[in-house]
Amino acid sequence: MEKFGFKRIRPEDIEPNLIRLVEKEWMLVTAGTKERINTMTANWGGMGYLWNRPVVFIFIRPERYTYEFVESNESFTLTFFDESYRAALDICGTKSGRDCDKIAEANLTPLFSSEGNPAFEESEMVLECKKLYAGMLRDEEFLDPHILTAAYGLKGNLHKLYIAEIKSVWIK
């Protein structure tokens, strides 16, 4: 990643407010190989310390095309961009990679880390993450039923939760 202008930092040295980044500025969840990748915009997730390691947690609905990429790879990346890429994030959040080359439409340039993880040249920060845990959210586990109905309606359509170790953090 150094050849693309990124420098490696420790996860504990991440400076931006992650809640603001995820909620307001969004991120791309990307997985795959040099032969085949997909990405999606996300604004649900977080970061913390669990099982004696720095981790992220993200949520993906099984019907999303990116789901199969995250499922079939042991790692994924989270990439963060400056505000000038809002239109690109809109494209990646509203179009499906099943139907078009949304990465090209968003004018994003894929790059791959030395570990083979996909990211984008235009990003400001890249988190390389290795999956540790995955499990479906379940209706009956919601302690506050208002959250379930507000976020999912009456029919469910719940996300899968992924917890992943942050293996590398790259910033520009």
C-alpha atoms as a PDB file:
ATOM      1  CA  MET A   1       0.000   0.000   0.000  1.00  0.00           C
ATOM      2  CA  GLU A   2       2.996   2.257   0.471  1.00  0.00           C
ATOM      3  CA  LYS A   3       3.387   2.526  -3.296  1.00  0.00           C
ATOM      4  CA  PHE A   4      -0.081   4.094  -3.434  1.00  0.00           C
ATOM      5  CA  GLY A   5       0.791   6.820  -0.918  1.00  0.00           C
ATOM      6  CA  PHE A   6      -0.506   5.102   2.232  1.00  0.00           C
ATOM      7  CA  LYS A   7       1.396   4.730   5.484  1.00  0.00           C
ATOM      8  CA  ARG A   8       0.692   2.101   8.106  1.00  0.00           C
ATOM      9  CA  ILE A   9      -0.426   3.104  11.589  1.00  0.00           C
ATOM     10  CA  ARG A  10      -1.534   1.137  14.647  1.00  0.00           C
ATOM     11  CA  PRO A  11      -5.289   0.717  15.177  1.00  0.00           C
ATOM     12  CA  GLU A  12      -5.042   2.549  18.500  1.00  0.00           C
ATOM     13  CA  ASP A  13      -3.646   5.584  16.646  1.00  0.00           C
ATOM     14  CA  ILE A  14      -6.743   6.142  14.474  1.00  0.00           C
ATOM     15  CA  GLU A  15      -7.637   9.777  15.019  1.00  0.00           C
ATOM     16  CA  PRO A  16     -10.976  10.569  13.353  1.00  0.00           C
ATOM     17  CA  ASN A  17     -14.122  10.118  15.379  1.00  0.00           C
ATOM     18  CA  LEU A  18     -15.246   6.696  14.157  1.00  0.00           C
ATOM     19  CA  ILE A  19     -18.885   7.246  15.094  1.00  0.00           C
ATOM     20  CA  ARG A  20     -18.980  10.341  12.883  1.00  0.00           C
ATOM     21  CA  LEU A  21     -17.079   8.570  10.104  1.00  0.00           C
ATOM     22  CA  VAL A  22     -19.459   5.611   9.996  1.00  0.00           C
ATOM     23  CA  GLU A  23     -22.709   7.489  10.574  1.00  0.00           C
ATOM     24  CA  LYS A  24     -22.187  10.671   8.584  1.00  0.00           C
ATOM     25  CA  GLU A  25     -19.351  10.050   6.146  1.00  0.00           C
ATOM     26  CA  TRP A  26     -20.005   6.343   5.522  1.00  0.00           C
ATOM     27  CA  MET A  27     -17.576   3.627   4.465  1.00  0.00           C
ATOM     28  CA  LEU A  28     -17.201   0.974   1.817  1.00  0.00           C
ATOM     29  CA  VAL A  29     -17.129  -2.694   2.788  1.00  0.00           C
ATOM     30  CA  THR A  30     -15.112  -4.499   0.131  1.00  0.00           C
ATOM     31  CA  ALA A  31     -14.154  -8.124  -0.341  1.00  0.00           C
ATOM     32  CA  GLY A  32     -12.904 -10.368  -3.088  1.00  0.00           C
ATOM     33  CA  THR A  33      -9.848 -11.138  -5.166  1.00  0.00           C
ATOM     34  CA  LYS A  34      -7.998  -9.474  -8.038  1.00  0.00           C
ATOM     35  CA  GLU A  35     -10.230 -11.457 -10.379  1.00  0.00           C
ATOM     36  CA  ARG A  36     -13.542 -10.542  -8.729  1.00  0.00           C
ATOM     37  CA  ILE A  37     -14.432  -7.948  -6.081  1.00  0.00           C
ATOM     38  CA  ASN A  38     -17.508  -6.148  -4.881  1.00  0.00           C
ATOM     39  CA  THR A  39     -18.151  -3.282  -2.528  1.00  0.00           C
ATOM     40  CA  MET A  40     -21.077  -1.681  -0.747  1.00  0.00           C
ATOM     41  CA  THR A  41     -21.654   1.508   1.185  1.00  0.00           C
ATOM     42  CA  ALA A  42     -22.359   1.030   4.873  1.00  0.00           C
ATOM     43  CA  ASN A  43     -23.143   3.301   7.786  1.00  0.00           C
ATOM     44  CA  TRP A  44     -23.768   0.692  10.469  1.00  0.00           C
ATOM     45  CA  GLY A  45     -20.774  -0.621  12.322  1.00  0.00           C
ATOM     46  CA  GLY A  46     -18.185   0.198  14.900  1.00  0.00           C
ATOM     47  CA  MET A  47     -14.780  -0.417  16.369  1.00  0.00           C
ATOM     48  CA  GLY A  48     -13.498  -1.519  19.724  1.00  0.00           C
ATOM     49  CA  TYR A  49     -11.377  -3.970  21.647  1.00  0.00           C
ATOM     50  CA  LEU A  50     -12.562  -7.561  22.041  1.00  0.00           C
ATOM     51  CA  TRP A  51     -10.876 -10.910  22.667  1.00  0.00           C
ATOM     52  CA  ASN A  52      -7.576  -9.100  23.353  1.00  0.00           C
ATOM     53  CA  ARG A  53      -7.406  -7.491  19.925  1.00  0.00           C
ATOM     54  CA  PRO A  54      -8.659  -4.418  18.045  1.00  0.00           C
ATOM     55  CA  VAL A  55     -11.841  -5.249  16.152  1.00  0.00           C
ATOM     56  CA  VAL A  56     -14.534  -3.840  13.910  1.00  0.00           C
ATOM     57  CA  PHE A  57     -18.096  -4.993  13.638  1.00  0.00           C
ATOM     58  CA  ILE A  58     -20.229  -4.612  10.529  1.00  0.00           C
ATOM     59  CA  PHE A  59     -23.658  -5.743   9.381  1.00  0.00           C
ATOM     60  CA  ILE A  60     -24.662  -7.070   5.950  1.00  0.00           C
ATOM     61  CA  ARG A  61     -28.006  -8.362   4.738  1.00  0.00           C
ATOM     62  CA  PRO A  62     -27.757 -11.752   2.986  1.00  0.00           C
ATOM     63  CA  GLU A  63     -29.497 -10.458  -0.137  1.00  0.00           C
ATOM     64  CA  ARG A  64     -26.744  -7.913  -0.770  1.00  0.00           C
ATOM     65  CA  TYR A  65     -24.311  -8.969  -3.494  1.00  0.00           C
ATOM     66  CA  THR A  66     -21.344  -8.048  -1.276  1.00  0.00           C
ATOM     67  CA  TYR A  67     -22.557 -10.629   1.257  1.00  0.00           C
ATOM     68  CA  GLU A  68     -21.333 -13.527  -0.890  1.00  0.00           C
ATOM     69  CA  PHE A  69     -17.913 -11.881  -1.244  1.00  0.00           C
ATOM     70  CA  VAL A  70     -17.559 -11.363   2.506  1.00  0.00           C
ATOM     71  CA  GLU A  71     -18.803 -14.906   3.130  1.00  0.00           C
ATOM     72  CA  SER A  72     -16.320 -16.503   0.714  1.00  0.00           C
ATOM     73  CA  ASN A  73     -13.220 -14.589   1.854  1.00  0.00           C
ATOM     74  CA  GLU A  74     -11.520 -14.639   5.241  1.00  0.00           C
ATOM     75  CA  SER A  75     -10.807 -10.895   5.064  1.00  0.00           C
ATOM     76  CA  PHE A  76     -12.485  -7.694   3.953  1.00  0.00           C
ATOM     77  CA  THR A  77     -11.593  -4.003   4.008  1.00  0.00           C
ATOM     78  CA  LEU A  78     -13.330  -0.919   5.274  1.00  0.00           C
ATOM     79  CA  THR A  79     -12.409   2.195   3.326  1.00  0.00           C
ATOM     80  CA  PHE A  80     -13.139   5.792   4.265  1.00  0.00           C
ATOM     81  CA  PHE A  81     -13.131   8.788   1.905  1.00  0.00           C
ATOM     82  CA  ASP A  82     -13.245  12.545   2.115  1.00  0.00           C
ATOM     83  CA  GLU A  83     -16.501  14.358   1.371  1.00  0.00           C
ATOM     84  CA  SER A  84     -15.626  14.848  -2.314  1.00  0.00           C
ATOM     85  CA  TYR A  85     -16.414  11.146  -2.854  1.00  0.00           C
ATOM     86  CA  ARG A  86     -20.012  11.347  -1.591  1.00  0.00           C
ATOM     87  CA  ALA A  87     -21.393  10.706  -5.112  1.00  0.00           C
ATOM     88  CA  ALA A  88     -19.192   7.599  -5.441  1.00  0.00           C
ATOM     89  CA  LEU A  89     -20.474   6.307  -2.100  1.00  0.00           C
ATOM     90  CA  ASP A  90     -24.050   6.989  -3.234  1.00  0.00           C
ATOM     91  CA  ILE A  91     -23.468   4.868  -6.350  1.00  0.00           C
ATOM     92  CA  CYS A  92     -21.926   2.046  -4.322  1.00  0.00           C
ATOM     93  CA  GLY A  93     -24.872   2.152  -1.934  1.00  0.00           C
ATOM     94  CA  THR A  94     -27.702   2.270  -4.458  1.00  0.00           C
ATOM     95  CA  LYS A  95     -26.495   0.068  -7.319  1.00  0.00           C
ATOM     96  CA  SER A  96     -25.795  -3.637  -7.279  1.00  0.00           C
ATOM     97  CA  GLY A  97     -22.593  -5.164  -8.596  1.00  0.00           C
ATOM     98  CA  ARG A  98     -24.817  -7.940  -9.982  1.00  0.00           C
ATOM     99  CA  ASP A  99     -26.256  -5.476 -12.495  1.00  0.00           C
ATOM    100  CA  CYS A 100     -23.383  -3.141 -13.353  1.00  0.00           C
ATOM    101  CA  ASP A 101     -19.734  -2.340 -12.709  1.00  0.00           C
ATOM    102  CA  LYS A 102     -20.489   0.127  -9.938  1.00  0.00           C
ATOM    103  CA  ILE A 103     -16.811   0.515  -9.041  1.00  0.00           C
ATOM    104  CA  ALA A 104     -16.146   1.856 -12.539  1.00  0.00           C
ATOM    105  CA  GLU A 105     -19.313   3.982 -12.449  1.00  0.00           C
ATOM    106  CA  ALA A 106     -18.141   5.478  -9.160  1.00  0.00           C
ATOM    107  CA  ASN A 107     -14.737   6.246 -10.742  1.00  0.00           C
ATOM    108  CA  LEU A 108     -12.915   4.302  -8.039  1.00  0.00           C
ATOM    109  CA  THR A 109      -9.566   2.625  -8.643  1.00  0.00           C
ATOM    110  CA  PRO A 110      -9.148  -0.777  -6.990  1.00  0.00           C
ATOM    111  CA  LEU A 111      -5.806  -1.615  -5.417  1.00  0.00           C
ATOM    112  CA  PHE A 112      -4.675  -4.647  -3.454  1.00  0.00           C
ATOM    113  CA  SER A 113      -2.567  -4.904  -0.341  1.00  0.00           C
ATOM    114  CA  SER A 114       0.372  -7.261  -0.112  1.00  0.00           C
ATOM    115  CA  GLU A 115      -2.052  -9.659   1.631  1.00  0.00           C
ATOM    116  CA  GLY A 116      -4.362  -9.477  -1.407  1.00  0.00           C
ATOM    117  CA  ASN A 117      -7.107  -7.401   0.222  1.00  0.00           C
ATOM    118  CA  PRO A 118      -9.005  -5.004  -2.069  1.00  0.00           C
ATOM    119  CA  ALA A 119      -9.228  -1.288  -1.349  1.00  0.00           C
ATOM    120  CA  PHE A 120      -9.354   1.939  -3.356  1.00  0.00           C
ATOM    121  CA  GLU A 121      -6.627   4.410  -4.296  1.00  0.00           C
ATOM    122  CA  GLU A 122      -8.940   7.341  -3.601  1.00  0.00           C
ATOM    123  CA  SER A 123      -9.608   6.418   0.032  1.00  0.00           C
ATOM    124  CA  GLU A 124      -8.179   8.330   2.981  1.00  0.00           C
ATOM    125  CA  MET A 125      -8.072   5.358   5.338  1.00  0.00           C
ATOM    126  CA  VAL A 126      -8.161   1.583   4.824  1.00  0.00           C
ATOM    127  CA  LEU A 127      -8.749  -1.026   7.538  1.00  0.00           C
ATOM    128  CA  GLU A 128      -7.753  -4.576   6.595  1.00  0.00           C
ATOM    129  CA  CYS A 129      -9.912  -6.913   8.645  1.00  0.00           C
ATOM    130  CA  LYS A 130      -9.867 -10.673   9.248  1.00  0.00           C
ATOM    131  CA  LYS A 131     -13.188 -12.285  10.180  1.00  0.00           C
ATOM    132  CA  LEU A 132     -13.386 -13.773  13.683  1.00  0.00           C
ATOM    133  CA  TYR A 133     -17.126 -14.256  14.188  1.00  0.00           C
ATOM    134  CA  ALA A 134     -20.294 -14.158  12.095  1.00  0.00           C
ATOM    135  CA  GLY A 135     -23.890 -14.688  13.150  1.00  0.00           C
ATOM    136  CA  MET A 136     -27.366 -13.704  12.029  1.00  0.00           C
ATOM    137  CA  LEU A 137     -29.344 -11.245  14.105  1.00  0.00           C
ATOM    138  CA  ARG A 138     -32.553 -12.847  15.358  1.00  0.00           C
ATOM    139  CA  ASP A 139     -35.946 -11.257  16.011  1.00  0.00           C
ATOM    140  CA  GLU A 140     -36.313 -12.873  19.411  1.00  0.00           C
ATOM    141  CA  GLU A 141     -32.980 -11.503  20.656  1.00  0.00           C
ATOM    142  CA  PHE A 142     -34.031  -7.823  20.423  1.00  0.00           C
ATOM    143  CA  LEU A 143     -34.607  -6.518  23.940  1.00  0.00           C
ATOM    144  CA  ASP A 144     -36.259  -3.350  22.686  1.00  0.00           C
ATOM    145  CA  PRO A 145     -38.911  -4.339  20.100  1.00  0.00           C
ATOM    146  CA  HIS A 146     -39.152  -0.730  18.898  1.00  0.00           C
ATOM    147  CA  ILE A 147     -35.658  -1.017  17.400  1.00  0.00           C
ATOM    148  CA  LEU A 148     -36.664  -4.144  15.499  1.00  0.00           C
ATOM    149  CA  THR A 149     -39.775  -2.584  13.995  1.00  0.00           C
ATOM    150  CA  ALA A 150     -38.118   0.801  13.345  1.00  0.00           C
ATOM    151  CA  ALA A 151     -35.061  -0.698  11.627  1.00  0.00           C
ATOM    152  CA  TYR A 152     -36.616  -3.734   9.967  1.00  0.00           C
ATOM    153  CA  GLY A 153     -40.383  -3.312   9.837  1.00  0.00           C
ATOM    154  CA  LEU A 154     -42.712  -6.167  10.552  1.00  0.00           C
ATOM    155  CA  LYS A 155     -41.080  -8.743   8.271  1.00  0.00           C
ATOM    156  CA  GLY A 156     -37.547  -8.814   9.648  1.00  0.00           C
ATOM    157  CA  ASN A 157     -35.007  -9.053   6.794  1.00  0.00           C
ATOM    158  CA  LEU A 158     -32.229  -8.979   9.375  1.00  0.00           C
ATOM    159  CA  HIS A 159     -28.503  -8.450   8.942  1.00  0.00           C
ATOM    160  CA  LYS A 160     -25.611 -10.777   9.597  1.00  0.00           C
ATOM    161  CA  LEU A 161     -23.131  -9.465  12.151  1.00  0.00           C
ATOM    162  CA  TYR A 162     -19.411  -9.830  11.444  1.00  0.00           C
ATOM    163  CA  ILE A 163     -16.722  -9.188  14.030  1.00  0.00           C
ATOM    164  CA  ALA A 164     -13.259  -8.930  12.511  1.00  0.00           C
ATOM    165  CA  GLU A 165      -9.771  -8.251  13.790  1.00  0.00           C
ATOM    166  CA  ILE A 166      -8.113  -5.126  12.425  1.00  0.00           C
ATOM    167  CA  LYS A 167      -4.912  -6.485  10.902  1.00  0.00           C
ATOM    168  CA  SER A 168      -3.657  -3.255   9.304  1.00  0.00           C
ATOM    169  CA  VAL A 169      -4.632   0.404   9.173  1.00  0.00           C
ATOM    170  CA  TRP A 170      -3.444   2.530   6.256  1.00  0.00           C
ATOM    171  CA  ILE A 171      -3.829   6.315   6.006  1.00  0.00           C
ATOM    172  CA  LYS A 172      -2.838   8.980   3.509  1.00  0.00           C
END
